[in-house]
Amino acid sequence: MEVRMTFLLRVTGLFIALSACCSPLFAADVPTAVYKCEDGSQFSVCFENETAQLTFPDGTAYVLPVAISGSGFRYEADGRELRGKGDEATWTVPGAEPLNCRAEDAD
């Protein structure tokens, strides 16, 4: 029971952080983008400090720390990776082929 409560508190904290990042109050301060991918999926990203906070339409969210990149940007954790340059990006999840995506709504 204690482990479950700890997990719920962490998840709740994550959603609060994501909501704050992408809320209109902070929109002018935090670069955000909506990426649309070749398979028709999409997600929004808040780029803040050393993290990319991805949120999908179904509510799934990931916070990926910045990773070393030769050029462009790269964020990675637990086999999930967002990398790209300019408006182009590739979204990779474990067990699936990388998806090519494009920023449609960049700040």
N, C-alpha and C. Protein backbone atom coordinates (compact mmCIF):
# COMPACT_ATOMS: atom_id res chain seq x y z
N MET A 1 0.82 -1.19 0.00
CA MET A 1 0.00 0.00 0.00
C MET A 1 0.87 1.26 0.00
N GLU A 2 1.95 1.26 0.79
CA GLU A 2 2.82 2.42 0.86
C GLU A 2 3.52 2.66 -0.47
N VAL A 3 3.94 1.60 -1.16
CA VAL A 3 4.59 1.73 -2.46
C VAL A 3 3.62 2.34 -3.46
N ARG A 4 2.38 1.88 -3.45
CA ARG A 4 1.37 2.41 -4.37
C ARG A 4 1.13 3.89 -4.11
N MET A 5 1.03 4.28 -2.85
CA MET A 5 0.80 5.68 -2.51
C MET A 5 1.98 6.54 -2.96
N THR A 6 3.20 6.05 -2.76
CA THR A 6 4.39 6.78 -3.20
C THR A 6 4.35 6.97 -4.71
N PHE A 7 4.00 5.92 -5.44
CA PHE A 7 3.90 6.01 -6.90
C PHE A 7 2.85 7.04 -7.30
N LEU A 8 1.68 7.00 -6.67
CA LEU A 8 0.61 7.94 -7.00
C LEU A 8 1.04 9.38 -6.73
N LEU A 9 1.75 9.60 -5.64
CA LEU A 9 2.23 10.94 -5.33
C LEU A 9 3.23 11.42 -6.37
N ARG A 10 4.11 10.53 -6.82
CA ARG A 10 5.09 10.91 -7.85
C ARG A 10 4.39 11.23 -9.17
N VAL A 11 3.43 10.40 -9.55
CA VAL A 11 2.70 10.63 -10.80
C VAL A 11 1.92 11.94 -10.71
N THR A 12 1.27 12.17 -9.58
CA THR A 12 0.52 13.41 -9.40
C THR A 12 1.45 14.62 -9.50
N GLY A 13 2.61 14.52 -8.88
CA GLY A 13 3.59 15.61 -8.97
C GLY A 13 4.05 15.85 -10.39
N LEU A 14 4.24 14.78 -11.15
CA LEU A 14 4.64 14.89 -12.55
C LEU A 14 3.59 15.64 -13.35
N PHE A 15 2.32 15.27 -13.17
CA PHE A 15 1.26 15.94 -13.92
C PHE A 15 1.12 17.40 -13.52
N ILE A 16 1.33 17.70 -12.26
CA ILE A 16 1.29 19.10 -11.83
C ILE A 16 2.42 19.88 -12.50
N ALA A 17 3.60 19.29 -12.54
CA ALA A 17 4.74 19.95 -13.18
C ALA A 17 4.49 20.15 -14.67
N LEU A 18 3.95 19.13 -15.33
CA LEU A 18 3.66 19.26 -16.76
C LEU A 18 2.59 20.30 -17.01
N SER A 19 1.58 20.31 -16.17
CA SER A 19 0.51 21.30 -16.34
C SER A 19 1.04 22.71 -16.18
N ALA A 20 1.90 22.90 -15.20
CA ALA A 20 2.48 24.22 -14.98
C ALA A 20 3.35 24.64 -16.16
N CYS A 21 4.12 23.70 -16.68
CA CYS A 21 5.01 23.99 -17.80
C CYS A 21 4.23 24.45 -19.01
N CYS A 22 3.15 23.80 -19.31
CA CYS A 22 2.41 24.07 -20.54
C CYS A 22 1.20 24.96 -20.33
N SER A 23 1.02 25.49 -19.15
CA SER A 23 -0.14 26.34 -18.90
C SER A 23 0.07 27.70 -19.55
N PRO A 24 -1.02 28.40 -19.89
CA PRO A 24 -0.89 29.72 -20.52
C PRO A 24 -0.08 30.71 -19.69
N LEU A 25 -0.10 30.57 -18.37
CA LEU A 25 0.64 31.48 -17.50
C LEU A 25 2.13 31.45 -17.82
N PHE A 26 2.66 30.26 -18.13
CA PHE A 26 4.08 30.10 -18.39
C PHE A 26 4.41 29.97 -19.87
N ALA A 27 3.43 30.00 -20.73
CA ALA A 27 3.64 29.74 -22.16
C ALA A 27 4.66 30.68 -22.78
N ALA A 28 4.69 31.93 -22.37
CA ALA A 28 5.62 32.89 -22.96
C ALA A 28 7.06 32.62 -22.52
N ASP A 29 7.24 31.98 -21.38
CA ASP A 29 8.57 31.75 -20.82
C ASP A 29 9.19 30.43 -21.24
N VAL A 30 8.39 29.45 -21.62
CA VAL A 30 8.88 28.10 -21.90
C VAL A 30 8.65 27.76 -23.36
N PRO A 31 9.72 27.45 -24.11
CA PRO A 31 9.52 27.05 -25.50
C PRO A 31 8.70 25.75 -25.57
N THR A 32 7.67 25.76 -26.39
CA THR A 32 6.83 24.57 -26.56
C THR A 32 6.63 24.31 -28.04
N ALA A 33 6.27 23.08 -28.36
CA ALA A 33 5.99 22.69 -29.74
C ALA A 33 5.01 21.54 -29.74
N VAL A 34 4.23 21.45 -30.81
CA VAL A 34 3.37 20.30 -31.04
C VAL A 34 3.97 19.56 -32.23
N TYR A 35 4.33 18.30 -32.01
CA TYR A 35 4.91 17.48 -33.07
C TYR A 35 3.86 16.55 -33.64
N LYS A 36 3.77 16.52 -34.96
CA LYS A 36 2.89 15.59 -35.67
C LYS A 36 3.78 14.60 -36.40
N CYS A 37 3.46 13.30 -36.25
CA CYS A 37 4.33 12.25 -36.77
C CYS A 37 3.73 11.58 -38.00
N GLU A 38 4.59 10.86 -38.71
CA GLU A 38 4.20 10.24 -39.97
C GLU A 38 3.09 9.20 -39.82
N ASP A 39 2.90 8.65 -38.63
CA ASP A 39 1.84 7.66 -38.42
C ASP A 39 0.52 8.32 -37.99
N GLY A 40 0.48 9.65 -37.95
CA GLY A 40 -0.72 10.37 -37.55
C GLY A 40 -0.77 10.74 -36.08
N SER A 41 0.15 10.22 -35.29
CA SER A 41 0.17 10.55 -33.86
C SER A 41 0.74 11.95 -33.67
N GLN A 42 0.52 12.49 -32.48
CA GLN A 42 1.09 13.79 -32.15
C GLN A 42 1.33 13.87 -30.66
N PHE A 43 2.17 14.81 -30.27
CA PHE A 43 2.45 15.06 -28.86
C PHE A 43 2.95 16.48 -28.72
N SER A 44 2.81 17.03 -27.52
CA SER A 44 3.34 18.36 -27.26
C SER A 44 4.59 18.23 -26.40
N VAL A 45 5.48 19.18 -26.55
CA VAL A 45 6.74 19.17 -25.79
C VAL A 45 6.98 20.56 -25.21
N CYS A 46 7.29 20.58 -23.92
CA CYS A 46 7.78 21.79 -23.25
C CYS A 46 9.28 21.59 -23.04
N PHE A 47 10.08 22.48 -23.59
CA PHE A 47 11.53 22.41 -23.41
C PHE A 47 11.88 23.38 -22.29
N GLU A 48 12.27 22.82 -21.15
CA GLU A 48 12.55 23.67 -19.99
C GLU A 48 13.84 23.22 -19.32
N ASN A 49 14.76 24.16 -19.16
CA ASN A 49 16.06 23.89 -18.53
C ASN A 49 16.72 22.70 -19.21
N GLU A 50 16.93 21.64 -18.50
CA GLU A 50 17.63 20.47 -19.03
C GLU A 50 16.70 19.30 -19.33
N THR A 51 15.41 19.57 -19.54
CA THR A 51 14.45 18.50 -19.81
C THR A 51 13.51 18.85 -20.96
N ALA A 52 12.97 17.79 -21.54
CA ALA A 52 11.86 17.91 -22.49
C ALA A 52 10.70 17.17 -21.85
N GLN A 53 9.58 17.85 -21.70
CA GLN A 53 8.40 17.25 -21.07
C GLN A 53 7.38 16.97 -22.17
N LEU A 54 7.23 15.69 -22.53
CA LEU A 54 6.33 15.28 -23.60
C LEU A 54 4.98 14.89 -23.02
N THR A 55 3.91 15.32 -23.67
CA THR A 55 2.55 14.96 -23.27
C THR A 55 1.78 14.53 -24.50
N PHE A 56 1.15 13.35 -24.41
CA PHE A 56 0.37 12.80 -25.51
C PHE A 56 -1.12 13.04 -25.27
N PRO A 57 -1.94 13.03 -26.34
CA PRO A 57 -3.37 13.32 -26.19
C PRO A 57 -4.10 12.43 -25.17
N ASP A 58 -3.63 11.20 -24.96
CA ASP A 58 -4.29 10.31 -24.00
C ASP A 58 -3.86 10.57 -22.56
N GLY A 59 -3.00 11.57 -22.36
CA GLY A 59 -2.55 11.90 -21.01
C GLY A 59 -1.22 11.30 -20.63
N THR A 60 -0.69 10.38 -21.44
CA THR A 60 0.62 9.81 -21.18
C THR A 60 1.67 10.92 -21.23
N ALA A 61 2.57 10.91 -20.26
CA ALA A 61 3.58 11.96 -20.20
C ALA A 61 4.94 11.38 -19.83
N TYR A 62 5.98 11.98 -20.38
CA TYR A 62 7.35 11.59 -20.09
C TYR A 62 8.18 12.85 -19.87
N VAL A 63 9.10 12.79 -18.92
CA VAL A 63 10.08 13.85 -18.73
C VAL A 63 11.43 13.23 -19.08
N LEU A 64 12.04 13.74 -20.13
CA LEU A 64 13.31 13.21 -20.61
C LEU A 64 14.43 14.22 -20.35
N PRO A 65 15.51 13.78 -19.71
CA PRO A 65 16.64 14.69 -19.50
C PRO A 65 17.44 14.88 -20.79
N VAL A 66 18.10 16.02 -20.89
CA VAL A 66 18.94 16.30 -22.04
C VAL A 66 20.06 15.26 -22.12
N ALA A 67 20.45 14.90 -23.34
CA ALA A 67 21.54 13.95 -23.56
C ALA A 67 22.52 14.58 -24.55
N ILE A 68 23.73 14.06 -24.56
CA ILE A 68 24.76 14.59 -25.46
C ILE A 68 24.33 14.37 -26.90
N SER A 69 24.51 15.42 -27.71
CA SER A 69 24.16 15.37 -29.13
C SER A 69 25.23 16.10 -29.92
N GLY A 70 25.59 15.54 -31.07
CA GLY A 70 26.58 16.20 -31.92
C GLY A 70 26.09 17.55 -32.42
N SER A 71 24.85 17.59 -32.84
CA SER A 71 24.21 18.85 -33.24
C SER A 71 22.71 18.67 -33.07
N GLY A 72 21.99 19.75 -33.01
CA GLY A 72 20.55 19.64 -32.78
C GLY A 72 20.27 19.39 -31.31
N PHE A 73 19.18 18.65 -31.05
CA PHE A 73 18.80 18.36 -29.67
C PHE A 73 18.59 16.86 -29.49
N ARG A 74 18.75 16.42 -28.25
CA ARG A 74 18.53 15.02 -27.91
C ARG A 74 18.16 14.92 -26.44
N TYR A 75 17.05 14.23 -26.17
CA TYR A 75 16.58 13.96 -24.81
C TYR A 75 16.32 12.47 -24.74
N GLU A 76 16.73 11.82 -23.63
CA GLU A 76 16.62 10.36 -23.58
C GLU A 76 16.50 9.86 -22.16
N ALA A 77 15.65 8.82 -21.98
CA ALA A 77 15.54 8.11 -20.70
C ALA A 77 14.79 6.81 -20.93
N ASP A 78 15.27 5.76 -20.32
CA ASP A 78 14.59 4.46 -20.32
C ASP A 78 14.25 3.97 -21.73
N GLY A 79 15.13 4.19 -22.68
CA GLY A 79 14.91 3.72 -24.05
C GLY A 79 14.02 4.62 -24.89
N ARG A 80 13.47 5.66 -24.30
CA ARG A 80 12.67 6.64 -25.05
C ARG A 80 13.58 7.80 -25.42
N GLU A 81 13.49 8.22 -26.67
CA GLU A 81 14.39 9.28 -27.13
C GLU A 81 13.67 10.23 -28.08
N LEU A 82 13.87 11.51 -27.84
CA LEU A 82 13.44 12.56 -28.76
C LEU A 82 14.71 13.24 -29.23
N ARG A 83 14.94 13.21 -30.54
CA ARG A 83 16.12 13.88 -31.09
C ARG A 83 15.73 14.58 -32.37
N GLY A 84 16.44 15.65 -32.67
CA GLY A 84 16.13 16.35 -33.90
C GLY A 84 16.95 17.60 -34.09
N LYS A 85 16.58 18.32 -35.13
CA LYS A 85 17.24 19.57 -35.47
C LYS A 85 16.21 20.45 -36.17
N GLY A 86 16.11 21.69 -35.73
CA GLY A 86 15.09 22.57 -36.30
C GLY A 86 13.70 22.04 -35.98
N ASP A 87 12.83 22.00 -36.98
CA ASP A 87 11.46 21.52 -36.79
C ASP A 87 11.32 20.01 -36.95
N GLU A 88 12.37 19.33 -37.38
CA GLU A 88 12.33 17.88 -37.60
C GLU A 88 12.77 17.15 -36.34
N ALA A 89 12.09 16.03 -36.04
CA ALA A 89 12.45 15.23 -34.86
C ALA A 89 12.14 13.77 -35.12
N THR A 90 12.79 12.92 -34.35
CA THR A 90 12.53 11.49 -34.36
C THR A 90 12.16 11.09 -32.94
N TRP A 91 11.04 10.37 -32.80
CA TRP A 91 10.57 9.89 -31.50
C TRP A 91 10.74 8.38 -31.50
N THR A 92 11.48 7.86 -30.53
CA THR A 92 11.77 6.43 -30.44
C THR A 92 11.33 5.90 -29.09
N VAL A 93 10.63 4.75 -29.11
CA VAL A 93 10.24 4.05 -27.89
C VAL A 93 10.74 2.62 -27.99
N PRO A 94 10.98 1.96 -26.86
CA PRO A 94 11.48 0.58 -26.88
C PRO A 94 10.55 -0.34 -27.68
N GLY A 95 11.16 -1.17 -28.53
CA GLY A 95 10.41 -2.18 -29.27
C GLY A 95 9.68 -1.68 -30.50
N ALA A 96 9.90 -0.43 -30.88
CA ALA A 96 9.22 0.12 -32.06
C ALA A 96 10.22 0.85 -32.95
N GLU A 97 9.87 0.97 -34.21
CA GLU A 97 10.70 1.73 -35.14
C GLU A 97 10.60 3.22 -34.81
N PRO A 98 11.66 3.98 -35.01
CA PRO A 98 11.61 5.42 -34.79
C PRO A 98 10.57 6.08 -35.69
N LEU A 99 9.88 7.08 -35.16
CA LEU A 99 8.88 7.84 -35.91
C LEU A 99 9.46 9.20 -36.31
N ASN A 100 9.28 9.56 -37.56
CA ASN A 100 9.66 10.90 -38.01
C ASN A 100 8.52 11.85 -37.71
N CYS A 101 8.85 12.98 -37.09
CA CYS A 101 7.84 13.95 -36.67
C CYS A 101 8.29 15.35 -37.07
N ARG A 102 7.33 16.25 -37.11
CA ARG A 102 7.63 17.64 -37.47
C ARG A 102 6.87 18.58 -36.53
N ALA A 103 7.57 19.61 -36.05
CA ALA A 103 6.94 20.60 -35.18
C ALA A 103 5.98 21.45 -36.01
N GLU A 104 4.74 21.49 -35.58
CA GLU A 104 3.71 22.26 -36.29
C GLU A 104 3.46 23.59 -35.63
N ASP A 105 3.70 23.67 -34.33
CA ASP A 105 3.34 24.85 -33.54
C ASP A 105 4.51 25.28 -32.68
N ALA A 106 5.58 25.69 -33.26
CA ALA A 106 6.76 26.03 -32.47
C ALA A 106 6.68 27.45 -31.95
N ASP A 107 7.13 27.65 -30.70
CA ASP A 107 7.22 28.99 -30.10
C ASP A 107 8.60 29.54 -30.33
